[in-house]
Amino acid sequence: MAITPAQKLAKKLMYKKAAKVAAVARAAAAPKKEAPVKKAAKEKVTKAPISLEATIYDMAGKSAGTVTLPEEIFAAKWNADLVHQVVIGMQANARPTVANTKFRSEVSGGGKKPWKQKGTGRARHGSNRSPIWRGGGVTHGPRAEKVYAVKINRKMRAAALMSVLSRKWKDGEIIFVNQLSFATPKTKDAKAALVSIAKASGKETLATKRKNAAVIAFAKKDTSAEKSFSNIGSVISEEVRNLNPVDLMNKKFLVISDPEAAFTLLKSRLATKA
């Protein structure tokens, strides 16, 4: 007996109803799940501001007071790309053009054709100054005329310096001394002063590091002090007005003599020319 379309529809609806009833029964029998506990909102962690109060030491390693550091110099944002650009540029500007080769027009010889053009069975040559001859000119060799210098804007150089100074202060690598001066140039006195300052500031490697220990920066020219430190191979001495990112990045510590005068000079580096 054939099934009519009406019977097919009734059978389909019956199966749907049975499936719905079974689903309701399963849901009633299943254990109730507890409502999910909402996660507590994460508390925002605020970084503590960098302290701009620094201790000043004397040459004997004793505390000689404190100084407030200028925010524009020692709280600048670290800009790695800018520092890299300025350092690479300064190194390029200091690169000497030593390598130099001679063209075929500059080497000696070549006044005569080595042999006649035809009849010898050998390759034809017009001059022994040719680059394919031993002792001849060099093709595409290095030349002393090549210039590696690049332009570095004054503002870029100043911003890079302040970025490095701020990073060094944040990393605890700057030491302030009220005055570094010697009556006569004497390496022994300079070494003793370094040891005392290093011990007092808790940076012992300042006096023990064999290479690239520190930059000693003076607010003004002091020939006796510079000569006193010149025989200590791990440090270099220079005036504050000549501080640059290359020297600071190559050395671990920075020792600044006469901080107040040094700050004035550093601020002048940031001043915009009219």
C-alpha atoms as a PDB file:
ATOM      1  CA  MET A   1       0.000   0.000   0.000  1.00  0.00           C
ATOM      2  CA  ALA A   2       1.494   3.328  -1.092  1.00  0.00           C
ATOM      3  CA  ILE A   3       2.172   6.043   1.501  1.00  0.00           C
ATOM      4  CA  THR A   4       0.498   9.305   0.732  1.00  0.00           C
ATOM      5  CA  PRO A   5       2.330  12.646   1.076  1.00  0.00           C
ATOM      6  CA  ALA A   6       0.172  13.526   4.070  1.00  0.00           C
ATOM      7  CA  GLN A   7       1.296  10.359   5.865  1.00  0.00           C
ATOM      8  CA  LYS A   8       4.970  11.155   5.106  1.00  0.00           C
ATOM      9  CA  LEU A   9       4.580  14.631   6.606  1.00  0.00           C
ATOM     10  CA  ALA A  10       2.858  13.241   9.740  1.00  0.00           C
ATOM     11  CA  LYS A  11       5.621  10.698  10.210  1.00  0.00           C
ATOM     12  CA  LYS A  12       8.317  13.398   9.859  1.00  0.00           C
ATOM     13  CA  LEU A  13       6.634  15.649  12.414  1.00  0.00           C
ATOM     14  CA  MET A  14       6.296  12.717  14.813  1.00  0.00           C
ATOM     15  CA  TYR A  15      10.061  12.034  14.627  1.00  0.00           C
ATOM     16  CA  LYS A  16      10.882  15.720  15.236  1.00  0.00           C
ATOM     17  CA  LYS A  17       8.586  15.845  18.263  1.00  0.00           C
ATOM     18  CA  ALA A  18      10.127  12.679  19.709  1.00  0.00           C
ATOM     19  CA  ALA A  19      13.663  14.087  19.277  1.00  0.00           C
ATOM     20  CA  LYS A  20      12.651  17.341  20.996  1.00  0.00           C
ATOM     21  CA  VAL A  21      11.123  15.459  23.942  1.00  0.00           C
ATOM     22  CA  ALA A  22      14.278  13.354  24.291  1.00  0.00           C
ATOM     23  CA  ALA A  23      16.489  16.471  24.318  1.00  0.00           C
ATOM     24  CA  VAL A  24      14.380  18.061  27.056  1.00  0.00           C
ATOM     25  CA  ALA A  25      14.609  14.869  29.111  1.00  0.00           C
ATOM     26  CA  ARG A  26      18.392  14.744  28.780  1.00  0.00           C
ATOM     27  CA  ALA A  27      18.735  18.380  29.791  1.00  0.00           C
ATOM     28  CA  ALA A  28      16.592  17.798  32.903  1.00  0.00           C
ATOM     29  CA  ALA A  29      18.633  14.745  33.906  1.00  0.00           C
ATOM     30  CA  ALA A  30      22.047  16.400  33.452  1.00  0.00           C
ATOM     31  CA  PRO A  31      23.657  18.054  36.502  1.00  0.00           C
ATOM     32  CA  LYS A  32      23.342  21.804  36.549  1.00  0.00           C
ATOM     33  CA  LYS A  33      26.520  23.710  35.792  1.00  0.00           C
ATOM     34  CA  GLU A  34      27.548  26.469  38.120  1.00  0.00           C
ATOM     35  CA  ALA A  35      27.640  29.932  36.674  1.00  0.00           C
ATOM     36  CA  PRO A  36      31.193  30.818  35.612  1.00  0.00           C
ATOM     37  CA  VAL A  37      33.015  33.067  38.043  1.00  0.00           C
ATOM     38  CA  LYS A  38      34.064  36.301  36.466  1.00  0.00           C
ATOM     39  CA  LYS A  39      37.775  36.903  36.546  1.00  0.00           C
ATOM     40  CA  ALA A  40      38.859  39.832  38.591  1.00  0.00           C
ATOM     41  CA  ALA A  41      40.054  42.716  36.494  1.00  0.00           C
ATOM     42  CA  LYS A  42      43.819  43.021  36.399  1.00  0.00           C
ATOM     43  CA  GLU A  43      45.111  45.905  38.363  1.00  0.00           C
ATOM     44  CA  LYS A  44      47.104  48.345  36.309  1.00  0.00           C
ATOM     45  CA  VAL A  45      50.721  48.313  37.377  1.00  0.00           C
ATOM     46  CA  THR A  46      52.164  51.781  37.307  1.00  0.00           C
ATOM     47  CA  LYS A  47      55.900  52.085  37.116  1.00  0.00           C
ATOM     48  CA  ALA A  48      57.499  54.077  39.846  1.00  0.00           C
ATOM     49  CA  PRO A  49      58.950  57.341  38.509  1.00  0.00           C
ATOM     50  CA  ILE A  50      62.715  57.504  38.222  1.00  0.00           C
ATOM     51  CA  SER A  51      64.275  59.357  41.123  1.00  0.00           C
ATOM     52  CA  LEU A  52      66.166  62.466  40.061  1.00  0.00           C
ATOM     53  CA  GLU A  53      67.987  62.927  43.355  1.00  0.00           C
ATOM     54  CA  ALA A  54      71.665  61.969  43.231  1.00  0.00           C
ATOM     55  CA  THR A  55      74.403  61.799  45.838  1.00  0.00           C
ATOM     56  CA  ILE A  56      77.555  63.820  45.292  1.00  0.00           C
ATOM     57  CA  TYR A  57      80.864  62.334  46.476  1.00  0.00           C
ATOM     58  CA  ASP A  58      84.224  63.905  47.095  1.00  0.00           C
ATOM     59  CA  MET A  59      87.613  62.511  46.081  1.00  0.00           C
ATOM     60  CA  ALA A  60      87.937  60.705  49.403  1.00  0.00           C
ATOM     61  CA  GLY A  61      84.702  58.798  48.786  1.00  0.00           C
ATOM     62  CA  LYS A  62      82.639  60.680  51.371  1.00  0.00           C
ATOM     63  CA  SER A  63      79.193  62.095  50.695  1.00  0.00           C
ATOM     64  CA  ALA A  64      79.283  65.796  49.868  1.00  0.00           C
ATOM     65  CA  GLY A  65      75.535  66.402  49.568  1.00  0.00           C
ATOM     66  CA  THR A  66      72.866  65.768  46.969  1.00  0.00           C
ATOM     67  CA  VAL A  67      71.843  67.313  43.677  1.00  0.00           C
ATOM     68  CA  THR A  68      68.561  67.416  41.754  1.00  0.00           C
ATOM     69  CA  LEU A  69      69.042  66.262  38.193  1.00  0.00           C
ATOM     70  CA  PRO A  70      67.428  68.194  35.312  1.00  0.00           C
ATOM     71  CA  GLU A  71      64.484  66.238  33.933  1.00  0.00           C
ATOM     72  CA  GLU A  72      65.188  67.153  30.306  1.00  0.00           C
ATOM     73  CA  ILE A  73      68.651  65.564  30.561  1.00  0.00           C
ATOM     74  CA  PHE A  74      68.218  62.539  32.826  1.00  0.00           C
ATOM     75  CA  ALA A  75      64.554  61.627  32.282  1.00  0.00           C
ATOM     76  CA  ALA A  76      64.444  61.579  28.484  1.00  0.00           C
ATOM     77  CA  LYS A  77      62.804  58.662  26.681  1.00  0.00           C
ATOM     78  CA  TRP A  78      65.118  55.930  25.407  1.00  0.00           C
ATOM     79  CA  ASN A  79      65.245  56.084  21.605  1.00  0.00           C
ATOM     80  CA  ALA A  80      67.308  53.133  20.370  1.00  0.00           C
ATOM     81  CA  ASP A  81      66.827  53.917  16.674  1.00  0.00           C
ATOM     82  CA  LEU A  82      68.017  57.493  17.046  1.00  0.00           C
ATOM     83  CA  VAL A  83      71.019  56.504  19.155  1.00  0.00           C
ATOM     84  CA  HIS A  84      71.978  53.837  16.615  1.00  0.00           C
ATOM     85  CA  GLN A  85      71.695  56.293  13.728  1.00  0.00           C
ATOM     86  CA  VAL A  86      73.820  58.937  15.457  1.00  0.00           C
ATOM     87  CA  VAL A  87      76.482  56.468  16.648  1.00  0.00           C
ATOM     88  CA  ILE A  88      76.858  54.893  13.199  1.00  0.00           C
ATOM     89  CA  GLY A  89      76.998  58.367  11.639  1.00  0.00           C
ATOM     90  CA  MET A  90      79.695  59.577  14.036  1.00  0.00           C
ATOM     91  CA  GLN A  91      81.759  56.459  13.441  1.00  0.00           C
ATOM     92  CA  ALA A  92      81.446  56.987   9.686  1.00  0.00           C
ATOM     93  CA  ASN A  93      82.566  60.620  10.064  1.00  0.00           C
ATOM     94  CA  ALA A  94      85.634  59.484  11.998  1.00  0.00           C
ATOM     95  CA  ARG A  95      86.525  56.759   9.497  1.00  0.00           C
ATOM     96  CA  PRO A  96      89.854  57.456   7.784  1.00  0.00           C
ATOM     97  CA  THR A  97      90.201  56.751   4.066  1.00  0.00           C
ATOM     98  CA  VAL A  98      93.511  54.871   4.122  1.00  0.00           C
ATOM     99  CA  ALA A  99      93.156  52.175   1.457  1.00  0.00           C
ATOM    100  CA  ASN A 100      94.128  53.440  -1.986  1.00  0.00           C
ATOM    101  CA  THR A 101      94.969  51.604  -5.206  1.00  0.00           C
ATOM    102  CA  LYS A 102      96.380  52.943  -8.470  1.00  0.00           C
ATOM    103  CA  PHE A 103      94.687  53.022 -11.830  1.00  0.00           C
ATOM    104  CA  ARG A 104      96.599  51.938 -14.934  1.00  0.00           C
ATOM    105  CA  SER A 105      97.378  55.581 -15.595  1.00  0.00           C
ATOM    106  CA  GLU A 106      99.133  55.902 -12.220  1.00  0.00           C
ATOM    107  CA  VAL A 107     101.441  52.869 -12.181  1.00  0.00           C
ATOM    108  CA  SER A 108     104.922  53.012 -13.660  1.00  0.00           C
ATOM    109  CA  GLY A 109     105.920  51.520 -17.006  1.00  0.00           C
ATOM    110  CA  GLY A 110     103.925  51.102 -20.163  1.00  0.00           C
ATOM    111  CA  GLY A 111     105.898  53.389 -22.412  1.00  0.00           C
ATOM    112  CA  LYS A 112     106.432  50.702 -25.004  1.00  0.00           C
ATOM    113  CA  LYS A 113     104.295  48.007 -26.597  1.00  0.00           C
ATOM    114  CA  PRO A 114     105.486  44.683 -25.061  1.00  0.00           C
ATOM    115  CA  TRP A 115     105.739  42.964 -28.447  1.00  0.00           C
ATOM    116  CA  LYS A 116     104.502  43.439 -31.955  1.00  0.00           C
ATOM    117  CA  GLN A 117     100.834  42.962 -32.708  1.00  0.00           C
ATOM    118  CA  LYS A 118     101.101  39.952 -35.035  1.00  0.00           C
ATOM    119  CA  GLY A 119     103.329  37.043 -35.783  1.00  0.00           C
ATOM    120  CA  THR A 120     104.471  36.030 -32.282  1.00  0.00           C
ATOM    121  CA  GLY A 121     101.653  33.593 -31.548  1.00  0.00           C
ATOM    122  CA  ARG A 122     101.008  35.332 -28.273  1.00  0.00           C
ATOM    123  CA  ALA A 123      98.047  37.427 -27.205  1.00  0.00           C
ATOM    124  CA  ARG A 124      98.155  41.026 -28.308  1.00  0.00           C
ATOM    125  CA  HIS A 125      99.014  43.646 -25.652  1.00  0.00           C
ATOM    126  CA  GLY A 126      99.543  47.346 -25.860  1.00  0.00           C
ATOM    127  CA  SER A 127     100.884  48.113 -22.360  1.00  0.00           C
ATOM    128  CA  ASN A 128     102.214  46.295 -19.330  1.00  0.00           C
ATOM    129  CA  ARG A 129     100.211  48.708 -17.178  1.00  0.00           C
ATOM    130  CA  SER A 130      97.040  46.831 -18.075  1.00  0.00           C
ATOM    131  CA  PRO A 131      95.099  45.420 -15.074  1.00  0.00           C
ATOM    132  CA  ILE A 132      95.613  41.865 -16.375  1.00  0.00           C
ATOM    133  CA  TRP A 133      99.391  42.236 -16.032  1.00  0.00           C
ATOM    134  CA  ARG A 134     101.260  41.698 -12.808  1.00  0.00           C
ATOM    135  CA  GLY A 135     102.246  45.121 -11.508  1.00  0.00           C
ATOM    136  CA  GLY A 136      99.613  46.797 -13.622  1.00  0.00           C
ATOM    137  CA  GLY A 137      96.753  49.013 -12.489  1.00  0.00           C
ATOM    138  CA  VAL A 138      93.911  47.807 -10.249  1.00  0.00           C
ATOM    139  CA  THR A 139      90.356  47.687 -11.534  1.00  0.00           C
ATOM    140  CA  HIS A 140      87.604  48.943  -9.207  1.00  0.00           C
ATOM    141  CA  GLY A 141      89.935  49.005  -6.199  1.00  0.00           C
ATOM    142  CA  PRO A 142      89.502  51.182  -3.087  1.00  0.00           C
ATOM    143  CA  ARG A 143      90.312  54.854  -3.523  1.00  0.00           C
ATOM    144  CA  ALA A 144      91.259  57.493  -0.968  1.00  0.00           C
ATOM    145  CA  GLU A 145      88.835  59.927  -2.569  1.00  0.00           C
ATOM    146  CA  LYS A 146      85.856  58.007  -1.193  1.00  0.00           C
ATOM    147  CA  VAL A 147      84.036  59.982   1.506  1.00  0.00           C
ATOM    148  CA  TYR A 148      82.195  58.061   4.241  1.00  0.00           C
ATOM    149  CA  ALA A 149      80.978  61.139   6.113  1.00  0.00           C
ATOM    150  CA  VAL A 150      77.258  61.596   6.735  1.00  0.00           C
ATOM    151  CA  LYS A 151      75.323  64.602   7.975  1.00  0.00           C
ATOM    152  CA  ILE A 152      73.987  64.475  11.527  1.00  0.00           C
ATOM    153  CA  ASN A 153      71.590  67.223  12.547  1.00  0.00           C
ATOM    154  CA  ARG A 154      72.480  69.117  15.718  1.00  0.00           C
ATOM    155  CA  LYS A 155      69.104  68.361  17.301  1.00  0.00           C
ATOM    156  CA  MET A 156      69.493  64.660  16.543  1.00  0.00           C
ATOM    157  CA  ARG A 157      72.940  64.577  18.113  1.00  0.00           C
ATOM    158  CA  ALA A 158      71.703  66.392  21.240  1.00  0.00           C
ATOM    159  CA  ALA A 159      68.605  64.183  21.567  1.00  0.00           C
ATOM    160  CA  ALA A 160      70.710  61.027  21.235  1.00  0.00           C
ATOM    161  CA  LEU A 161      73.106  62.268  23.927  1.00  0.00           C
ATOM    162  CA  MET A 162      70.260  62.996  26.362  1.00  0.00           C
ATOM    163  CA  SER A 163      68.723  59.599  25.606  1.00  0.00           C
ATOM    164  CA  VAL A 164      71.996  57.846  26.460  1.00  0.00           C
ATOM    165  CA  LEU A 165      72.506  59.938  29.610  1.00  0.00           C
ATOM    166  CA  SER A 166      68.963  59.125  30.784  1.00  0.00           C
ATOM    167  CA  ARG A 167      69.482  55.422  30.139  1.00  0.00           C
ATOM    168  CA  LYS A 168      72.781  55.412  32.005  1.00  0.00           C
ATOM    169  CA  TRP A 169      71.206  57.183  34.975  1.00  0.00           C
ATOM    170  CA  LYS A 170      68.315  54.693  34.970  1.00  0.00           C
ATOM    171  CA  ASP A 171      70.817  51.813  34.922  1.00  0.00           C
ATOM    172  CA  GLY A 172      72.796  53.340  37.800  1.00  0.00           C
ATOM    173  CA  GLU A 173      75.939  54.003  35.779  1.00  0.00           C
ATOM    174  CA  ILE A 174      76.492  57.715  36.502  1.00  0.00           C
ATOM    175  CA  ILE A 175      78.486  59.021  39.479  1.00  0.00           C
ATOM    176  CA  PHE A 176      78.710  62.669  40.535  1.00  0.00           C
ATOM    177  CA  VAL A 177      81.813  64.112  42.203  1.00  0.00           C
ATOM    178  CA  ASN A 178      82.000  67.615  43.607  1.00  0.00           C
ATOM    179  CA  GLN A 179      85.486  68.200  42.232  1.00  0.00           C
ATOM    180  CA  LEU A 180      88.256  66.164  40.616  1.00  0.00           C
ATOM    181  CA  SER A 181      91.412  68.260  40.696  1.00  0.00           C
ATOM    182  CA  PHE A 182      95.092  67.645  41.415  1.00  0.00           C
ATOM    183  CA  ALA A 183      97.856  70.107  42.231  1.00  0.00           C
ATOM    184  CA  THR A 184     100.239  68.274  39.921  1.00  0.00           C
ATOM    185  CA  PRO A 185      99.586  65.464  37.434  1.00  0.00           C
ATOM    186  CA  LYS A 186      99.921  62.203  39.330  1.00  0.00           C
ATOM    187  CA  THR A 187      98.431  58.869  38.237  1.00  0.00           C
ATOM    188  CA  LYS A 188      98.714  57.437  41.749  1.00  0.00           C
ATOM    189  CA  ASP A 189      96.383  60.118  43.140  1.00  0.00           C
ATOM    190  CA  ALA A 190      93.934  59.656  40.286  1.00  0.00           C
ATOM    191  CA  LYS A 191      93.809  55.898  40.837  1.00  0.00           C
ATOM    192  CA  ALA A 192      93.284  56.365  44.597  1.00  0.00           C
ATOM    193  CA  ALA A 193      90.418  58.779  43.936  1.00  0.00           C
ATOM    194  CA  LEU A 194      88.782  56.275  41.553  1.00  0.00           C
ATOM    195  CA  VAL A 195      89.041  53.484  44.123  1.00  0.00           C
ATOM    196  CA  SER A 196      87.509  55.658  46.874  1.00  0.00           C
ATOM    197  CA  ILE A 197      84.633  56.855  44.665  1.00  0.00           C
ATOM    198  CA  ALA A 198      83.945  53.343  43.387  1.00  0.00           C
ATOM    199  CA  LYS A 199      83.815  51.901  46.899  1.00  0.00           C
ATOM    200  CA  ALA A 200      81.572  54.676  48.237  1.00  0.00           C
ATOM    201  CA  SER A 201      79.101  54.462  45.343  1.00  0.00           C
ATOM    202  CA  GLY A 202      78.940  50.670  45.384  1.00  0.00           C
ATOM    203  CA  LYS A 203      80.332  50.400  41.833  1.00  0.00           C
ATOM    204  CA  GLU A 204      83.583  48.561  42.509  1.00  0.00           C
ATOM    205  CA  THR A 205      84.110  47.635  38.860  1.00  0.00           C
ATOM    206  CA  LEU A 206      84.785  51.310  38.142  1.00  0.00           C
ATOM    207  CA  ALA A 207      88.274  50.811  39.604  1.00  0.00           C
ATOM    208  CA  THR A 208      88.809  47.139  38.732  1.00  0.00           C
ATOM    209  CA  LYS A 209      87.485  46.889  35.168  1.00  0.00           C
ATOM    210  CA  ARG A 210      90.429  46.521  32.782  1.00  0.00           C
ATOM    211  CA  LYS A 211      88.752  47.827  29.629  1.00  0.00           C
ATOM    212  CA  ASN A 212      86.135  50.471  28.897  1.00  0.00           C
ATOM    213  CA  ALA A 213      85.518  51.318  32.548  1.00  0.00           C
ATOM    214  CA  ALA A 214      84.470  54.953  32.517  1.00  0.00           C
ATOM    215  CA  VAL A 215      84.364  58.383  30.965  1.00  0.00           C
ATOM    216  CA  ILE A 216      85.615  61.117  33.317  1.00  0.00           C
ATOM    217  CA  ALA A 217      83.849  64.356  32.366  1.00  0.00           C
ATOM    218  CA  PHE A 218      85.075  67.762  33.545  1.00  0.00           C
ATOM    219  CA  ALA A 219      82.974  70.921  33.442  1.00  0.00           C
ATOM    220  CA  LYS A 220      86.003  72.914  32.266  1.00  0.00           C
ATOM    221  CA  LYS A 221      89.502  72.287  30.998  1.00  0.00           C
ATOM    222  CA  ASP A 222      91.775  70.805  33.673  1.00  0.00           C
ATOM    223  CA  THR A 223      95.146  69.783  32.276  1.00  0.00           C
ATOM    224  CA  SER A 224      96.491  68.345  35.548  1.00  0.00           C
ATOM    225  CA  ALA A 225      93.452  66.127  36.048  1.00  0.00           C
ATOM    226  CA  GLU A 226      93.431  64.962  32.427  1.00  0.00           C
ATOM    227  CA  LYS A 227      97.121  64.043  32.598  1.00  0.00           C
ATOM    228  CA  SER A 228      96.543  62.248  35.895  1.00  0.00           C
ATOM    229  CA  PHE A 229      93.942  59.969  34.318  1.00  0.00           C
ATOM    230  CA  SER A 230      95.714  59.593  30.963  1.00  0.00           C
ATOM    231  CA  ASN A 231      97.877  56.679  32.158  1.00  0.00           C
ATOM    232  CA  ILE A 232      94.859  54.676  33.336  1.00  0.00           C
ATOM    233  CA  GLY A 233      93.985  52.625  30.273  1.00  0.00           C
ATOM    234  CA  SER A 234      90.428  51.755  31.284  1.00  0.00           C
ATOM    235  CA  VAL A 235      89.174  55.358  31.417  1.00  0.00           C
ATOM    236  CA  ILE A 236      89.127  58.382  29.153  1.00  0.00           C
ATOM    237  CA  SER A 237      88.774  61.998  30.255  1.00  0.00           C
ATOM    238  CA  GLU A 238      87.136  64.846  28.366  1.00  0.00           C
ATOM    239  CA  GLU A 239      85.148  68.011  28.890  1.00  0.00           C
ATOM    240  CA  VAL A 240      81.388  67.865  29.345  1.00  0.00           C
ATOM    241  CA  ARG A 241      80.867  69.987  26.233  1.00  0.00           C
ATOM    242  CA  ASN A 242      82.531  67.205  24.205  1.00  0.00           C
ATOM    243  CA  LEU A 243      80.443  64.314  25.550  1.00  0.00           C
ATOM    244  CA  ASN A 244      79.035  62.184  22.750  1.00  0.00           C
ATOM    245  CA  PRO A 245      76.983  58.977  22.435  1.00  0.00           C
ATOM    246  CA  VAL A 246      79.895  56.986  20.960  1.00  0.00           C
ATOM    247  CA  ASP A 247      82.162  57.380  24.004  1.00  0.00           C
ATOM    248  CA  LEU A 248      79.300  56.884  26.451  1.00  0.00           C
ATOM    249  CA  MET A 249      78.124  53.699  24.730  1.00  0.00           C
ATOM    250  CA  ASN A 250      81.667  52.307  24.662  1.00  0.00           C
ATOM    251  CA  LYS A 251      82.267  52.859  28.380  1.00  0.00           C
ATOM    252  CA  LYS A 252      80.414  51.379  31.349  1.00  0.00           C
ATOM    253  CA  PHE A 253      80.305  54.335  33.762  1.00  0.00           C
ATOM    254  CA  LEU A 254      80.225  58.105  33.551  1.00  0.00           C
ATOM    255  CA  VAL A 255      81.854  60.187  36.291  1.00  0.00           C
ATOM    256  CA  ILE A 256      80.838  63.856  36.191  1.00  0.00           C
ATOM    257  CA  SER A 257      82.882  66.444  38.068  1.00  0.00           C
ATOM    258  CA  ASP A 258      81.237  69.683  39.263  1.00  0.00           C
ATOM    259  CA  PRO A 259      77.624  68.635  38.453  1.00  0.00           C
ATOM    260  CA  GLU A 260      75.982  72.070  38.548  1.00  0.00           C
ATOM    261  CA  ALA A 261      78.353  73.538  35.971  1.00  0.00           C
ATOM    262  CA  ALA A 262      78.052  70.351  33.905  1.00  0.00           C
ATOM    263  CA  PHE A 263      74.234  70.630  33.843  1.00  0.00           C
ATOM    264  CA  THR A 264      74.475  74.181  32.535  1.00  0.00           C
ATOM    265  CA  LEU A 265      76.689  73.047  29.673  1.00  0.00           C
ATOM    266  CA  LEU A 266      74.424  70.112  28.827  1.00  0.00           C
ATOM    267  CA  LYS A 267      71.338  72.330  28.805  1.00  0.00           C
ATOM    268  CA  SER A 268      73.054  74.618  26.330  1.00  0.00           C
ATOM    269  CA  ARG A 269      73.268  71.633  23.962  1.00  0.00           C
ATOM    270  CA  LEU A 270      69.461  71.512  23.942  1.00  0.00           C
ATOM    271  CA  ALA A 271      69.009  75.250  23.388  1.00  0.00           C
ATOM    272  CA  THR A 272      67.501  76.071  19.991  1.00  0.00           C
ATOM    273  CA  LYS A 273      69.397  78.584  17.940  1.00  0.00           C
ATOM    274  CA  ALA A 274      67.369  81.593  16.808  1.00  0.00           C
END
